[in-house]
C-alpha cells in the first residue's frame, strides 16, 4: 500500500474505531450507527472519498466525523422474568 493510501480508512472501520473508543471510556455509551454514517457520506455531510460502492475517509477527519454524526440511543435490554 502506498503512503498516500495509508491515510485512508474504510468508513466502517472509522466508525468501529470511534465506537471502540467510546465504549472503552464508558461501556454503557451510545454508539455511532454505520447506516447513519453511510447516509451522511452519501449526502456529503461528512468528508469522504468514494471508490466504487465503498466510502473512505482520511484518518485526520475522524474527529470531524465524530462531531457531525449523531449518536444512537441505547434501548434497555428486556428483563428476564
N, C-alpha and C. Protein backbone atom coordinates (compact mmCIF):
# COMPACT_ATOMS: atom_id res chain seq x y z
N UNK A 1 0.85 -1.18 0.00
CA UNK A 1 0.00 0.00 0.00
C UNK A 1 0.90 1.24 0.00
N UNK A 2 0.56 2.20 -0.83
CA UNK A 2 1.38 3.41 -0.89
C UNK A 2 1.11 4.29 0.32
N UNK A 3 2.03 5.22 0.56
CA UNK A 3 1.87 6.12 1.72
C UNK A 3 0.60 6.95 1.58
N UNK A 4 0.25 7.30 0.36
CA UNK A 4 -0.96 8.09 0.15
C UNK A 4 -2.20 7.31 0.58
N UNK A 5 -2.26 6.02 0.28
CA UNK A 5 -3.43 5.21 0.61
C UNK A 5 -3.48 4.82 2.08
N UNK A 6 -2.37 4.87 2.80
CA UNK A 6 -2.38 4.51 4.21
C UNK A 6 -3.12 5.53 5.05
N UNK A 7 -3.29 6.73 4.51
CA UNK A 7 -4.01 7.77 5.22
C UNK A 7 -5.52 7.55 5.14
N UNK A 8 -5.98 6.73 4.20
CA UNK A 8 -7.40 6.47 4.03
C UNK A 8 -7.83 5.24 4.82
N UNK A 9 -9.04 5.28 5.29
CA UNK A 9 -9.61 4.21 6.09
C UNK A 9 -11.04 4.00 5.60
N UNK A 10 -11.46 2.75 5.52
CA UNK A 10 -12.84 2.46 5.12
C UNK A 10 -13.78 3.09 6.15
N UNK A 11 -14.90 3.60 5.70
CA UNK A 11 -15.85 4.28 6.59
C UNK A 11 -16.28 3.39 7.75
N UNK A 12 -16.55 2.14 7.49
CA UNK A 12 -16.98 1.22 8.56
C UNK A 12 -15.87 1.04 9.59
N UNK A 13 -14.61 0.97 9.15
CA UNK A 13 -13.50 0.85 10.09
C UNK A 13 -13.37 2.11 10.95
N UNK A 14 -13.61 3.27 10.35
CA UNK A 14 -13.54 4.53 11.11
C UNK A 14 -14.65 4.57 12.17
N UNK A 15 -15.85 4.15 11.81
CA UNK A 15 -16.97 4.13 12.76
C UNK A 15 -16.66 3.12 13.87
N UNK A 16 -16.08 2.00 13.51
CA UNK A 16 -15.71 0.99 14.51
C UNK A 16 -14.70 1.55 15.49
N UNK A 17 -13.69 2.26 14.99
CA UNK A 17 -12.70 2.87 15.88
C UNK A 17 -13.34 3.86 16.84
N UNK A 18 -14.24 4.68 16.32
CA UNK A 18 -14.94 5.65 17.16
C UNK A 18 -15.75 4.95 18.25
N UNK A 19 -16.46 3.89 17.87
CA UNK A 19 -17.29 3.17 18.84
C UNK A 19 -16.45 2.45 19.89
N UNK A 20 -15.34 1.85 19.48
CA UNK A 20 -14.47 1.17 20.44
C UNK A 20 -13.94 2.17 21.45
N UNK A 21 -13.53 3.33 20.98
CA UNK A 21 -13.02 4.37 21.89
C UNK A 21 -14.11 4.80 22.88
N UNK A 22 -15.33 5.02 22.39
CA UNK A 22 -16.43 5.43 23.28
C UNK A 22 -16.73 4.35 24.32
N UNK A 23 -16.74 3.09 23.88
CA UNK A 23 -17.09 2.01 24.79
C UNK A 23 -15.99 1.72 25.81
N UNK A 24 -14.74 2.02 25.47
CA UNK A 24 -13.66 1.87 26.46
C UNK A 24 -13.83 2.87 27.58
N UNK A 25 -14.26 4.08 27.23
CA UNK A 25 -14.45 5.13 28.23
C UNK A 25 -15.68 4.88 29.07
N UNK A 26 -16.74 4.36 28.44
CA UNK A 26 -17.99 4.11 29.15
C UNK A 26 -18.71 2.95 28.46
N UNK A 27 -18.75 1.77 29.09
CA UNK A 27 -19.38 0.61 28.47
C UNK A 27 -20.87 0.78 28.16
N UNK A 28 -21.51 1.73 28.79
CA UNK A 28 -22.93 1.98 28.57
C UNK A 28 -23.18 3.11 27.56
N UNK A 29 -22.14 3.60 26.91
CA UNK A 29 -22.26 4.74 26.00
C UNK A 29 -23.03 4.36 24.74
N UNK A 30 -23.71 5.35 24.19
CA UNK A 30 -24.37 5.18 22.90
C UNK A 30 -23.30 5.18 21.81
N UNK A 31 -23.58 4.49 20.71
CA UNK A 31 -22.60 4.35 19.64
C UNK A 31 -23.09 5.00 18.35
N UNK A 32 -22.17 5.12 17.40
CA UNK A 32 -22.50 5.64 16.08
C UNK A 32 -23.00 4.49 15.22
N UNK A 33 -24.03 4.73 14.44
CA UNK A 33 -24.61 3.70 13.59
C UNK A 33 -23.99 3.76 12.19
N UNK A 34 -23.50 2.63 11.68
CA UNK A 34 -22.94 2.62 10.33
C UNK A 34 -23.93 3.08 9.26
N UNK A 35 -25.19 2.73 9.40
CA UNK A 35 -26.18 3.14 8.41
C UNK A 35 -26.33 4.66 8.37
N UNK A 36 -26.27 5.31 9.52
CA UNK A 36 -26.33 6.76 9.58
C UNK A 36 -25.08 7.37 8.95
N UNK A 37 -23.93 6.76 9.20
CA UNK A 37 -22.68 7.25 8.61
C UNK A 37 -22.74 7.18 7.09
N UNK A 38 -23.28 6.09 6.55
CA UNK A 38 -23.41 5.98 5.10
C UNK A 38 -24.36 7.03 4.54
N UNK A 39 -25.44 7.29 5.25
CA UNK A 39 -26.37 8.33 4.81
C UNK A 39 -25.72 9.70 4.79
N UNK A 40 -24.96 10.00 5.83
CA UNK A 40 -24.25 11.28 5.89
C UNK A 40 -23.19 11.36 4.80
N UNK A 41 -22.51 10.25 4.53
CA UNK A 41 -21.48 10.24 3.48
C UNK A 41 -22.12 10.45 2.11
N UNK A 42 -23.22 9.77 1.85
CA UNK A 42 -23.91 9.88 0.57
C UNK A 42 -24.40 11.29 0.31
N UNK A 43 -24.84 11.98 1.37
CA UNK A 43 -25.38 13.33 1.20
C UNK A 43 -24.31 14.41 1.29
N UNK A 44 -23.06 14.01 1.56
CA UNK A 44 -21.97 14.97 1.60
C UNK A 44 -21.82 15.71 2.92
N UNK A 45 -22.47 15.24 3.98
CA UNK A 45 -22.39 15.91 5.27
C UNK A 45 -21.12 15.60 6.03
N UNK A 46 -20.45 14.50 5.66
CA UNK A 46 -19.14 14.20 6.24
C UNK A 46 -18.17 14.00 5.07
N UNK A 47 -16.90 14.36 5.27
CA UNK A 47 -15.93 14.26 4.17
C UNK A 47 -15.54 12.81 3.89
N UNK A 48 -15.81 12.36 2.68
CA UNK A 48 -15.45 11.01 2.27
C UNK A 48 -14.96 11.02 0.84
N UNK A 49 -14.32 9.92 0.48
CA UNK A 49 -13.90 9.69 -0.90
C UNK A 49 -14.55 8.38 -1.32
N UNK A 50 -15.25 8.41 -2.42
CA UNK A 50 -15.96 7.21 -2.86
C UNK A 50 -15.17 6.52 -3.95
N UNK A 51 -15.01 5.22 -3.81
CA UNK A 51 -14.39 4.39 -4.83
C UNK A 51 -15.30 3.19 -5.06
N UNK A 52 -15.96 3.18 -6.20
CA UNK A 52 -16.94 2.13 -6.46
C UNK A 52 -18.11 2.30 -5.51
N UNK A 53 -18.41 1.25 -4.76
CA UNK A 53 -19.51 1.32 -3.79
C UNK A 53 -19.02 1.62 -2.38
N UNK A 54 -17.72 1.72 -2.20
CA UNK A 54 -17.14 1.92 -0.86
C UNK A 54 -16.83 3.40 -0.60
N UNK A 55 -16.94 3.78 0.67
CA UNK A 55 -16.59 5.13 1.11
C UNK A 55 -15.35 5.04 1.99
N UNK A 56 -14.42 5.97 1.77
CA UNK A 56 -13.19 6.04 2.54
C UNK A 56 -13.06 7.43 3.16
N UNK A 57 -12.40 7.49 4.30
CA UNK A 57 -12.19 8.76 4.99
C UNK A 57 -10.71 8.91 5.32
N UNK A 58 -10.26 10.14 5.45
CA UNK A 58 -8.91 10.41 5.93
C UNK A 58 -8.89 10.19 7.43
N UNK A 59 -7.82 9.61 7.93
CA UNK A 59 -7.69 9.42 9.38
C UNK A 59 -7.80 10.75 10.12
N UNK A 60 -7.28 11.80 9.52
CA UNK A 60 -7.32 13.12 10.16
C UNK A 60 -8.75 13.65 10.28
N UNK A 61 -9.69 13.12 9.48
CA UNK A 61 -11.08 13.59 9.51
C UNK A 61 -11.94 12.85 10.52
N UNK A 62 -11.41 11.85 11.18
CA UNK A 62 -12.22 11.07 12.13
C UNK A 62 -12.80 11.94 13.25
N UNK A 63 -12.04 12.85 13.87
CA UNK A 63 -12.66 13.71 14.90
C UNK A 63 -13.79 14.58 14.34
N UNK A 64 -13.65 15.05 13.11
CA UNK A 64 -14.70 15.85 12.48
C UNK A 64 -15.95 15.00 12.25
N UNK A 65 -15.75 13.78 11.83
CA UNK A 65 -16.88 12.87 11.61
C UNK A 65 -17.61 12.61 12.92
N UNK A 66 -16.85 12.42 14.00
CA UNK A 66 -17.46 12.18 15.31
C UNK A 66 -18.31 13.37 15.75
N UNK A 67 -17.89 14.58 15.41
CA UNK A 67 -18.67 15.77 15.78
C UNK A 67 -19.95 15.88 14.97
N UNK A 68 -19.92 15.45 13.72
CA UNK A 68 -21.08 15.63 12.84
C UNK A 68 -22.12 14.53 12.97
N UNK A 69 -21.69 13.30 13.27
CA UNK A 69 -22.64 12.20 13.35
C UNK A 69 -23.41 12.21 14.67
N UNK A 70 -24.71 11.93 14.61
CA UNK A 70 -25.46 11.80 15.87
C UNK A 70 -25.19 10.44 16.49
N UNK A 71 -25.29 10.39 17.78
CA UNK A 71 -25.13 9.12 18.50
C UNK A 71 -26.46 8.39 18.51
N UNK A 72 -26.40 7.08 18.44
CA UNK A 72 -27.60 6.27 18.54
C UNK A 72 -28.10 6.25 19.98
N UNK A 73 -29.27 5.76 20.17
CA UNK A 73 -29.82 5.65 21.53
C UNK A 73 -29.71 4.22 22.00
N UNK A 74 -29.50 4.06 23.27
CA UNK A 74 -29.45 2.73 23.86
C UNK A 74 -30.87 2.31 24.23
N UNK A 75 -31.22 1.13 23.81
CA UNK A 75 -32.52 0.58 24.21
C UNK A 75 -32.30 -0.31 25.42
N UNK A 76 -33.16 -0.20 26.40
CA UNK A 76 -32.97 -1.08 27.56
C UNK A 76 -33.17 -2.54 27.16
N UNK A 77 -32.32 -3.41 27.69
CA UNK A 77 -32.47 -4.83 27.37
C UNK A 77 -33.68 -5.38 28.10
N UNK A 78 -34.38 -6.30 27.47
CA UNK A 78 -35.58 -6.85 28.12
C UNK A 78 -35.22 -7.63 29.39
N UNK A 79 -36.03 -7.47 30.39
CA UNK A 79 -35.76 -8.19 31.64
C UNK A 79 -36.22 -9.64 31.51
N UNK A 80 -35.51 -10.50 32.15
CA UNK A 80 -35.86 -11.92 32.13
C UNK A 80 -36.70 -12.20 33.36
N UNK A 81 -37.90 -12.68 33.13
CA UNK A 81 -38.81 -12.94 34.24
C UNK A 81 -38.85 -14.38 34.62
